PDB file of all heavy atoms in Angstrom:
ATOM      1  N   VAL A   1      10.792   2.412  27.945  1.00  0.00           N
ATOM      2  CA  VAL A   1       9.862   3.041  26.972  1.00  0.00           C
ATOM      3  C   VAL A   1      10.727   4.102  26.155  1.00  0.00           C
ATOM      4  O   VAL A   1      11.418   4.892  26.908  1.00  0.00           O
ATOM      5  CB  VAL A   1       8.615   3.715  27.646  1.00  0.00           C
ATOM      6  CG1 VAL A   1       7.801   4.445  26.833  1.00  0.00           C
ATOM      7  CG2 VAL A   1       7.839   2.647  28.424  1.00  0.00           C
ATOM      8  N   LYS A   2      10.565   4.181  24.897  1.00  0.00           N
ATOM      9  CA  LYS A   2      11.344   5.104  24.109  1.00  0.00           C
ATOM     10  C   LYS A   2      10.525   5.941  23.199  1.00  0.00           C
ATOM     11  O   LYS A   2       9.294   5.562  22.852  1.00  0.00           O
ATOM     12  CB  LYS A   2      12.370   4.410  23.226  1.00  0.00           C
ATOM     13  CG  LYS A   2      13.362   3.690  24.080  1.00  0.00           C
ATOM     14  CD  LYS A   2      14.433   3.049  23.113  1.00  0.00           C
ATOM     15  CE  LYS A   2      15.492   2.267  23.995  1.00  0.00           C
ATOM     16  NZ  LYS A   2      16.575   1.815  23.203  1.00  0.00           N
ATOM     17  N   GLY A   3      10.988   7.121  22.923  1.00  0.00           N
ATOM     18  CA  GLY A   3      10.155   8.008  21.942  1.00  0.00           C
ATOM     19  C   GLY A   3      10.997   9.112  21.360  1.00  0.00           C
ATOM     20  O   GLY A   3      12.169   9.386  21.838  1.00  0.00           O
ATOM     21  N   VAL A   4      10.553   9.755  20.358  1.00  0.00           N
ATOM     22  CA  VAL A   4      11.175  10.772  19.667  1.00  0.00           C
ATOM     23  C   VAL A   4      10.912  12.136  20.223  1.00  0.00           C
ATOM     24  O   VAL A   4       9.709  12.385  20.715  1.00  0.00           O
ATOM     25  CB  VAL A   4      10.734  10.845  18.231  1.00  0.00           C
ATOM     26  CG1 VAL A   4      11.407  12.021  17.439  1.00  0.00           C
ATOM     27  CG2 VAL A   4      11.178   9.495  17.500  1.00  0.00           C
ATOM     28  N   ILE A   5      11.889  12.991  20.405  1.00  0.00           N
ATOM     29  CA  ILE A   5      11.682  14.373  21.024  1.00  0.00           C
ATOM     30  C   ILE A   5      12.258  15.439  20.156  1.00  0.00           C
ATOM     31  O   ILE A   5      13.114  15.087  19.243  1.00  0.00           O
ATOM     32  CB  ILE A   5      12.390  14.474  22.393  1.00  0.00           C
ATOM     33  CG1 ILE A   5      13.861  14.228  22.251  1.00  0.00           C
ATOM     34  CG2 ILE A   5      11.693  13.490  23.377  1.00  0.00           C
ATOM     35  CD1 ILE A   5      14.585  14.426  23.681  1.00  0.00           C
ATOM     36  N   ARG A   6      11.800  16.647  20.263  1.00  0.00           N
ATOM     37  CA  ARG A   6      12.501  17.772  19.610  1.00  0.00           C
ATOM     38  C   ARG A   6      12.864  18.740  20.686  1.00  0.00           C
ATOM     39  O   ARG A   6      11.929  19.265  21.367  1.00  0.00           O
ATOM     40  CB  ARG A   6      11.534  18.364  18.585  1.00  0.00           C
ATOM     41  CG  ARG A   6      12.209  19.642  17.945  1.00  0.00           C
ATOM     42  CD  ARG A   6      11.773  19.841  16.495  1.00  0.00           C
ATOM     43  NE  ARG A   6      11.583  18.779  15.633  1.00  0.00           N
ATOM     44  CZ  ARG A   6      12.524  18.373  14.712  1.00  0.00           C
ATOM     45  NH1 ARG A   6      13.700  18.981  14.665  1.00  0.00           N
ATOM     46  NH2 ARG A   6      12.253  17.429  13.835  1.00  0.00           N
ATOM     47  N   ILE A   7      14.062  18.919  20.830  1.00  0.00           N
ATOM     48  CA  ILE A   7      14.601  19.811  21.803  1.00  0.00           C
ATOM     49  C   ILE A   7      14.316  21.247  21.420  1.00  0.00           C
ATOM     50  O   ILE A   7      14.945  21.754  20.392  1.00  0.00           O
ATOM     51  CB  ILE A   7      16.095  19.578  22.158  1.00  0.00           C
ATOM     52  CG1 ILE A   7      16.300  18.100  22.480  1.00  0.00           C
ATOM     53  CG2 ILE A   7      16.621  20.544  23.219  1.00  0.00           C
ATOM     54  CD1 ILE A   7      17.106  17.704  23.581  1.00  0.00           C
ATOM     55  N   ARG A   8      13.720  22.054  22.149  1.00  0.00           N
ATOM     56  CA  ARG A   8      13.235  23.461  21.910  1.00  0.00           C
ATOM     57  C   ARG A   8      14.212  24.453  22.460  1.00  0.00           C
ATOM     58  O   ARG A   8      14.439  25.509  21.853  1.00  0.00           O
ATOM     59  CB  ARG A   8      11.827  23.678  22.409  1.00  0.00           C
ATOM     60  CG  ARG A   8      10.800  22.787  21.710  1.00  0.00           C
ATOM     61  CD  ARG A   8      10.817  22.902  20.188  1.00  0.00           C
ATOM     62  NE  ARG A   8       9.751  21.977  19.716  1.00  0.00           N
ATOM     63  CZ  ARG A   8       9.332  21.967  18.396  1.00  0.00           C
ATOM     64  NH1 ARG A   8      10.057  22.767  17.598  1.00  0.00           N
ATOM     65  NH2 ARG A   8       8.555  21.234  18.100  1.00  0.00           N
ATOM     66  N   ASP A   9      14.723  24.250  23.633  1.00  0.00           N
ATOM     67  CA  ASP A   9      15.715  24.981  24.198  1.00  0.00           C
ATOM     68  C   ASP A   9      16.548  24.252  25.221  1.00  0.00           C
ATOM     69  O   ASP A   9      16.064  23.203  25.725  1.00  0.00           O
ATOM     70  CB  ASP A   9      15.207  26.358  24.753  1.00  0.00           C
ATOM     71  CG  ASP A   9      14.218  26.234  26.023  1.00  0.00           C
ATOM     72  OD1 ASP A   9      14.557  25.397  26.905  1.00  0.00           O
ATOM     73  OD2 ASP A   9      13.228  26.787  25.897  1.00  0.00           O
ATOM     74  N   ILE A  10      17.743  24.727  25.515  1.00  0.00           N
ATOM     75  CA  ILE A  10      18.691  23.965  26.413  1.00  0.00           C
ATOM     76  C   ILE A  10      19.357  24.940  27.207  1.00  0.00           C
ATOM     77  O   ILE A  10      19.728  26.072  26.775  1.00  0.00           O
ATOM     78  CB  ILE A  10      19.588  23.025  25.576  1.00  0.00           C
ATOM     79  CG1 ILE A  10      20.383  22.148  26.431  1.00  0.00           C
ATOM     80  CG2 ILE A  10      20.423  23.866  24.621  1.00  0.00           C
ATOM     81  CD1 ILE A  10      21.097  21.002  25.660  1.00  0.00           C
ATOM     82  N   SER A  11      19.766  24.592  28.464  1.00  0.00           N
ATOM     83  CA  SER A  11      20.496  25.387  29.362  1.00  0.00           C
ATOM     84  C   SER A  11      21.472  24.501  30.177  1.00  0.00           C
ATOM     85  O   SER A  11      21.455  23.291  29.916  1.00  0.00           O
ATOM     86  CB  SER A  11      19.574  26.222  30.479  1.00  0.00           C
ATOM     87  OG  SER A  11      19.059  25.383  31.425  1.00  0.00           O
ATOM     88  N   GLN A  12      22.220  25.008  31.007  1.00  0.00           N
ATOM     89  CA  GLN A  12      23.141  24.311  31.793  1.00  0.00           C
ATOM     90  C   GLN A  12      22.339  23.389  32.828  1.00  0.00           C
ATOM     91  O   GLN A  12      22.795  22.309  33.197  1.00  0.00           O
ATOM     92  CB  GLN A  12      24.032  25.239  32.657  1.00  0.00           C
ATOM     93  CG  GLN A  12      25.220  24.618  33.434  1.00  0.00           C
ATOM     94  CD  GLN A  12      25.963  25.526  34.063  1.00  0.00           C
ATOM     95  OE1 GLN A  12      25.993  26.779  33.763  1.00  0.00           O
ATOM     96  NE2 GLN A  12      26.821  25.107  35.011  1.00  0.00           N
ATOM     97  N   SER A  13      21.122  23.751  33.206  1.00  0.00           N
ATOM     98  CA  SER A  13      20.436  23.030  34.149  1.00  0.00           C
ATOM     99  C   SER A  13      19.417  22.056  33.565  1.00  0.00           C
ATOM    100  O   SER A  13      18.788  21.165  34.298  1.00  0.00           O
ATOM    101  CB  SER A  13      19.717  23.872  35.131  1.00  0.00           C
ATOM    102  OG  SER A  13      18.905  24.789  34.619  1.00  0.00           O
ATOM    103  N   GLY A  14      19.034  22.255  32.275  1.00  0.00           N
ATOM    104  CA  GLY A  14      17.995  21.301  31.752  1.00  0.00           C
ATOM    105  C   GLY A  14      17.624  21.630  30.345  1.00  0.00           C
ATOM    106  O   GLY A  14      18.263  22.482  29.688  1.00  0.00           O
ATOM    107  N   VAL A  15      16.446  21.007  29.843  1.00  0.00           N
ATOM    108  CA  VAL A  15      15.990  21.219  28.545  1.00  0.00           C
ATOM    109  C   VAL A  15      14.556  21.350  28.564  1.00  0.00           C
ATOM    110  O   VAL A  15      13.881  20.887  29.396  1.00  0.00           O
ATOM    111  CB  VAL A  15      16.360  20.082  27.553  1.00  0.00           C
ATOM    112  CG1 VAL A  15      17.927  19.943  27.320  1.00  0.00           C
ATOM    113  CG2 VAL A  15      15.788  18.756  27.988  1.00  0.00           C
ATOM    114  N   ARG A  16      14.062  21.931  27.426  1.00  0.00           N
ATOM    115  CA  ARG A  16      12.594  21.898  27.180  1.00  0.00           C
ATOM    116  C   ARG A  16      12.464  21.216  25.867  1.00  0.00           C
ATOM    117  O   ARG A  16      13.140  21.613  24.872  1.00  0.00           O
ATOM    118  CB  ARG A  16      12.019  23.308  27.100  1.00  0.00           C
ATOM    119  CG  ARG A  16      10.424  23.292  26.971  1.00  0.00           C
ATOM    120  CD  ARG A  16       9.904  24.742  27.025  1.00  0.00           C
ATOM    121  NE  ARG A  16      10.529  25.595  26.104  1.00  0.00           N
ATOM    122  CZ  ARG A  16       9.922  25.912  24.945  1.00  0.00           C
ATOM    123  NH1 ARG A  16       8.745  25.459  24.616  1.00  0.00           N
ATOM    124  NH2 ARG A  16      10.521  26.858  24.135  1.00  0.00           N
ATOM    125  N   PHE A  17      11.552  20.198  25.831  1.00  0.00           N
ATOM    126  CA  PHE A  17      11.369  19.435  24.594  1.00  0.00           C
ATOM    127  C   PHE A  17      10.024  19.106  24.417  1.00  0.00           C
ATOM    128  O   PHE A  17       9.106  19.127  25.273  1.00  0.00           O
ATOM    129  CB  PHE A  17      12.206  18.141  24.509  1.00  0.00           C
ATOM    130  CG  PHE A  17      12.024  17.171  25.573  1.00  0.00           C
ATOM    131  CD1 PHE A  17      11.057  16.148  25.293  1.00  0.00           C
ATOM    132  CD2 PHE A  17      12.600  17.035  26.730  1.00  0.00           C
ATOM    133  CE1 PHE A  17      10.734  15.173  26.247  1.00  0.00           C
ATOM    134  CE2 PHE A  17      12.320  16.074  27.712  1.00  0.00           C
ATOM    135  CZ  PHE A  17      11.368  15.226  27.392  1.00  0.00           C
ATOM    136  N   SER A  18       9.624  18.766  23.074  1.00  0.00           N
ATOM    137  CA  SER A  18       8.280  18.444  22.692  1.00  0.00           C
ATOM    138  C   SER A  18       8.281  16.900  22.347  1.00  0.00           C
ATOM    139  O   SER A  18       9.299  16.443  21.826  1.00  0.00           O
ATOM    140  CB  SER A  18       7.659  19.313  21.698  1.00  0.00           C
ATOM    141  OG  SER A  18       8.456  19.255  20.525  1.00  0.00           O
ATOM    142  N   VAL A  19       7.150  16.327  22.589  1.00  0.00           N
ATOM    143  CA  VAL A  19       6.891  14.898  22.021  1.00  0.00           C
ATOM    144  C   VAL A  19       5.715  14.906  21.130  1.00  0.00           C
ATOM    145  O   VAL A  19       4.986  15.890  21.150  1.00  0.00           O
ATOM    146  CB  VAL A  19       6.765  13.917  23.290  1.00  0.00           C
ATOM    147  CG1 VAL A  19       7.939  13.806  24.163  1.00  0.00           C
ATOM    148  CG2 VAL A  19       5.558  14.429  24.192  1.00  0.00           C
ATOM    149  N   ASN A  20       5.542  13.899  20.353  1.00  0.00           N
ATOM    150  CA  ASN A  20       4.380  13.857  19.381  1.00  0.00           C
ATOM    151  C   ASN A  20       3.146  13.673  20.014  1.00  0.00           C
ATOM    152  O   ASN A  20       2.070  14.015  19.332  1.00  0.00           O
ATOM    153  CB  ASN A  20       4.725  12.722  18.373  1.00  0.00           C
ATOM    154  CG  ASN A  20       5.840  13.070  17.523  1.00  0.00           C
ATOM    155  OD1 ASN A  20       6.290  14.205  17.313  1.00  0.00           O
ATOM    156  ND2 ASN A  20       6.615  11.950  17.098  1.00  0.00           N
ATOM    157  N   SER A  21       2.956  13.178  21.190  1.00  0.00           N
ATOM    158  CA  SER A  21       1.661  12.933  21.834  1.00  0.00           C
ATOM    159  C   SER A  21       1.810  13.076  23.247  1.00  0.00           C
ATOM    160  O   SER A  21       2.859  13.378  23.803  1.00  0.00           O
ATOM    161  CB  SER A  21       1.144  11.530  21.551  1.00  0.00           C
ATOM    162  OG  SER A  21       1.956  10.555  22.049  1.00  0.00           O
ATOM    163  N   ILE A  22       0.731  13.067  24.033  1.00  0.00           N
ATOM    164  CA  ILE A  22       0.622  13.269  25.484  1.00  0.00           C
ATOM    165  C   ILE A  22       1.552  12.166  26.040  1.00  0.00           C
ATOM    166  O   ILE A  22       1.373  11.031  25.745  1.00  0.00           O
ATOM    167  CB  ILE A  22      -0.772  13.246  25.905  1.00  0.00           C
ATOM    168  CG1 ILE A  22      -1.575  14.279  25.373  1.00  0.00           C
ATOM    169  CG2 ILE A  22      -0.681  13.344  27.564  1.00  0.00           C
ATOM    170  CD1 ILE A  22      -1.095  15.726  25.574  1.00  0.00           C
ATOM    171  N   PRO A  23       2.586  12.562  26.721  1.00  0.00           N
ATOM    172  CA  PRO A  23       3.544  11.466  27.321  1.00  0.00           C
ATOM    173  C   PRO A  23       2.911  10.622  28.338  1.00  0.00           C
ATOM    174  O   PRO A  23       1.953  10.923  29.085  1.00  0.00           O
ATOM    175  CB  PRO A  23       4.615  12.351  27.972  1.00  0.00           C
ATOM    176  CG  PRO A  23       3.943  13.627  28.335  1.00  0.00           C
ATOM    177  CD  PRO A  23       2.940  13.847  27.299  1.00  0.00           C
ATOM    178  N   GLU A  24       3.499   9.420  28.388  1.00  0.00           N
ATOM    179  CA  GLU A  24       3.028   8.328  29.448  1.00  0.00           C
ATOM    180  C   GLU A  24       3.729   8.635  30.688  1.00  0.00           C
ATOM    181  O   GLU A  24       3.231   8.161  31.744  1.00  0.00           O
ATOM    182  CB  GLU A  24       3.401   6.961  28.942  1.00  0.00           C
ATOM    183  CG  GLU A  24       2.712   6.583  27.665  1.00  0.00           C
ATOM    184  CD  GLU A  24       3.166   5.244  27.114  1.00  0.00           C
ATOM    185  OE1 GLU A  24       3.505   4.384  28.016  1.00  0.00           O
ATOM    186  OE2 GLU A  24       3.084   5.116  25.843  1.00  0.00           O
ATOM    187  N   PHE A  25       4.907   9.312  30.715  1.00  0.00           N
ATOM    188  CA  PHE A  25       5.604   9.532  32.043  1.00  0.00           C
ATOM    189  C   PHE A  25       4.981  10.809  32.719  1.00  0.00           C
ATOM    190  O   PHE A  25       4.207  11.498  32.193  1.00  0.00           O
ATOM    191  CB  PHE A  25       7.097   9.728  31.784  1.00  0.00           C
ATOM    192  CG  PHE A  25       7.435  10.763  30.645  1.00  0.00           C
ATOM    193  CD1 PHE A  25       7.346  12.152  30.919  1.00  0.00           C
ATOM    194  CD2 PHE A  25       7.715  10.329  29.402  1.00  0.00           C
ATOM    195  CE1 PHE A  25       7.701  13.017  29.888  1.00  0.00           C
ATOM    196  CE2 PHE A  25       8.051  11.227  28.396  1.00  0.00           C
ATOM    197  CZ  PHE A  25       8.007  12.583  28.610  1.00  0.00           C
ATOM    198  N   ALA A  26       5.353  10.812  33.988  1.00  0.00           N
ATOM    199  CA  ALA A  26       4.782  11.966  34.783  1.00  0.00           C
ATOM    200  C   ALA A  26       5.885  12.739  35.464  1.00  0.00           C
ATOM    201  O   ALA A  26       7.089  12.463  35.482  1.00  0.00           O
ATOM    202  CB  ALA A  26       4.029  11.368  35.981  1.00  0.00           C
ATOM    203  N   VAL A  27       5.553  13.893  36.089  1.00  0.00           N
ATOM    204  CA  VAL A  27       6.497  14.709  36.847  1.00  0.00           C
ATOM    205  C   VAL A  27       7.082  13.864  37.907  1.00  0.00           C
ATOM    206  O   VAL A  27       6.455  13.223  38.513  1.00  0.00           O
ATOM    207  CB  VAL A  27       5.710  15.984  37.365  1.00  0.00           C
ATOM    208  CG1 VAL A  27       6.545  16.784  38.354  1.00  0.00           C
ATOM    209  CG2 VAL A  27       5.136  16.857  36.297  1.00  0.00           C
ATOM    210  N   GLY A  28       8.441  14.036  38.040  1.00  0.00           N
ATOM    211  CA  GLY A  28       9.190  13.190  38.949  1.00  0.00           C
ATOM    212  C   GLY A  28       9.780  12.042  38.387  1.00  0.00           C
ATOM    213  O   GLY A  28      10.650  11.334  38.980  1.00  0.00           O
ATOM    214  N   ASP A  29       9.424  11.503  37.161  1.00  0.00           N
ATOM    215  CA  ASP A  29      10.045  10.408  36.584  1.00  0.00           C
ATOM    216  C   ASP A  29      11.371  10.719  36.013  1.00  0.00           C
ATOM    217  O   ASP A  29      11.714  11.800  35.637  1.00  0.00           O
ATOM    218  CB  ASP A  29       9.234   9.888  35.394  1.00  0.00           C
ATOM    219  CG  ASP A  29       7.942   9.163  35.812  1.00  0.00           C
ATOM    220  OD1 ASP A  29       7.851   8.795  37.021  1.00  0.00           O
ATOM    221  OD2 ASP A  29       7.074   8.946  34.894  1.00  0.00           O
ATOM    222  N   LYS A  30      12.272   9.738  36.033  1.00  0.00           N
ATOM    223  CA  LYS A  30      13.663   9.815  35.551  1.00  0.00           C
ATOM    224  C   LYS A  30      13.702   9.396  34.101  1.00  0.00           C
ATOM    225  O   LYS A  30      13.259   8.366  33.729  1.00  0.00           O
ATOM    226  CB  LYS A  30      14.539   8.944  36.340  1.00  0.00           C
ATOM    227  CG  LYS A  30      14.683   9.427  37.795  1.00  0.00           C
ATOM    228  CD  LYS A  30      15.513   8.412  38.671  1.00  0.00           C
ATOM    229  CE  LYS A  30      15.498   8.787  40.104  1.00  0.00           C
ATOM    230  NZ  LYS A  30      16.292   7.838  40.871  1.00  0.00           N
ATOM    231  N   LEU A  31      14.292  10.287  33.269  1.00  0.00           N
ATOM    232  CA  LEU A  31      14.411  10.032  31.861  1.00  0.00           C
ATOM    233  C   LEU A  31      15.857  10.126  31.416  1.00  0.00           C
ATOM    234  O   LEU A  31      16.710  10.865  32.084  1.00  0.00           O
ATOM    235  CB  LEU A  31      13.673  11.092  31.016  1.00  0.00           C
ATOM    236  CG  LEU A  31      12.235  10.893  30.626  1.00  0.00           C
ATOM    237  CD1 LEU A  31      11.288  10.724  31.880  1.00  0.00           C
ATOM    238  CD2 LEU A  31      11.753  11.927  29.630  1.00  0.00           C
ATOM    239  N   THR A  32      16.244   9.499  30.408  1.00  0.00           N
ATOM    240  CA  THR A  32      17.542   9.599  29.681  1.00  0.00           C
ATOM    241  C   THR A  32      17.154  10.219  28.343  1.00  0.00           C
ATOM    242  O   THR A  32      16.225   9.651  27.641  1.00  0.00           O
ATOM    243  CB  THR A  32      18.270   8.314  29.536  1.00  0.00           C
ATOM    244  OG1 THR A  32      18.542   7.832  30.894  1.00  0.00           O
ATOM    245  CG2 THR A  32      19.540   8.516  28.782  1.00  0.00           C
ATOM    246  N   ILE A  33      17.871  11.244  27.932  1.00  0.00           N
ATOM    247  CA  ILE A  33      17.587  11.793  26.533  1.00  0.00           C
ATOM    248  C   ILE A  33      18.977  11.674  25.844  1.00  0.00           C
ATOM    249  O   ILE A  33      20.081  11.858  26.404  1.00  0.00           O
ATOM    250  CB  ILE A  33      17.200  13.249  26.523  1.00  0.00           C
ATOM    251  CG1 ILE A  33      18.046  14.205  27.381  1.00  0.00           C
ATOM    252  CG2 ILE A  33      15.715  13.273  27.174  1.00  0.00           C
ATOM    253  CD1 ILE A  33      17.763  15.725  27.197  1.00  0.00           C
TER     254      ILE A  33
END
């Protein structure tokens, strides 16, 4: 499953990003960005 994101902030340990709608994935899911 793929989608567009906008990265709002980034650090050495992770990112905070937004998606256009409520995501289908859940906490604990593995993503590739």
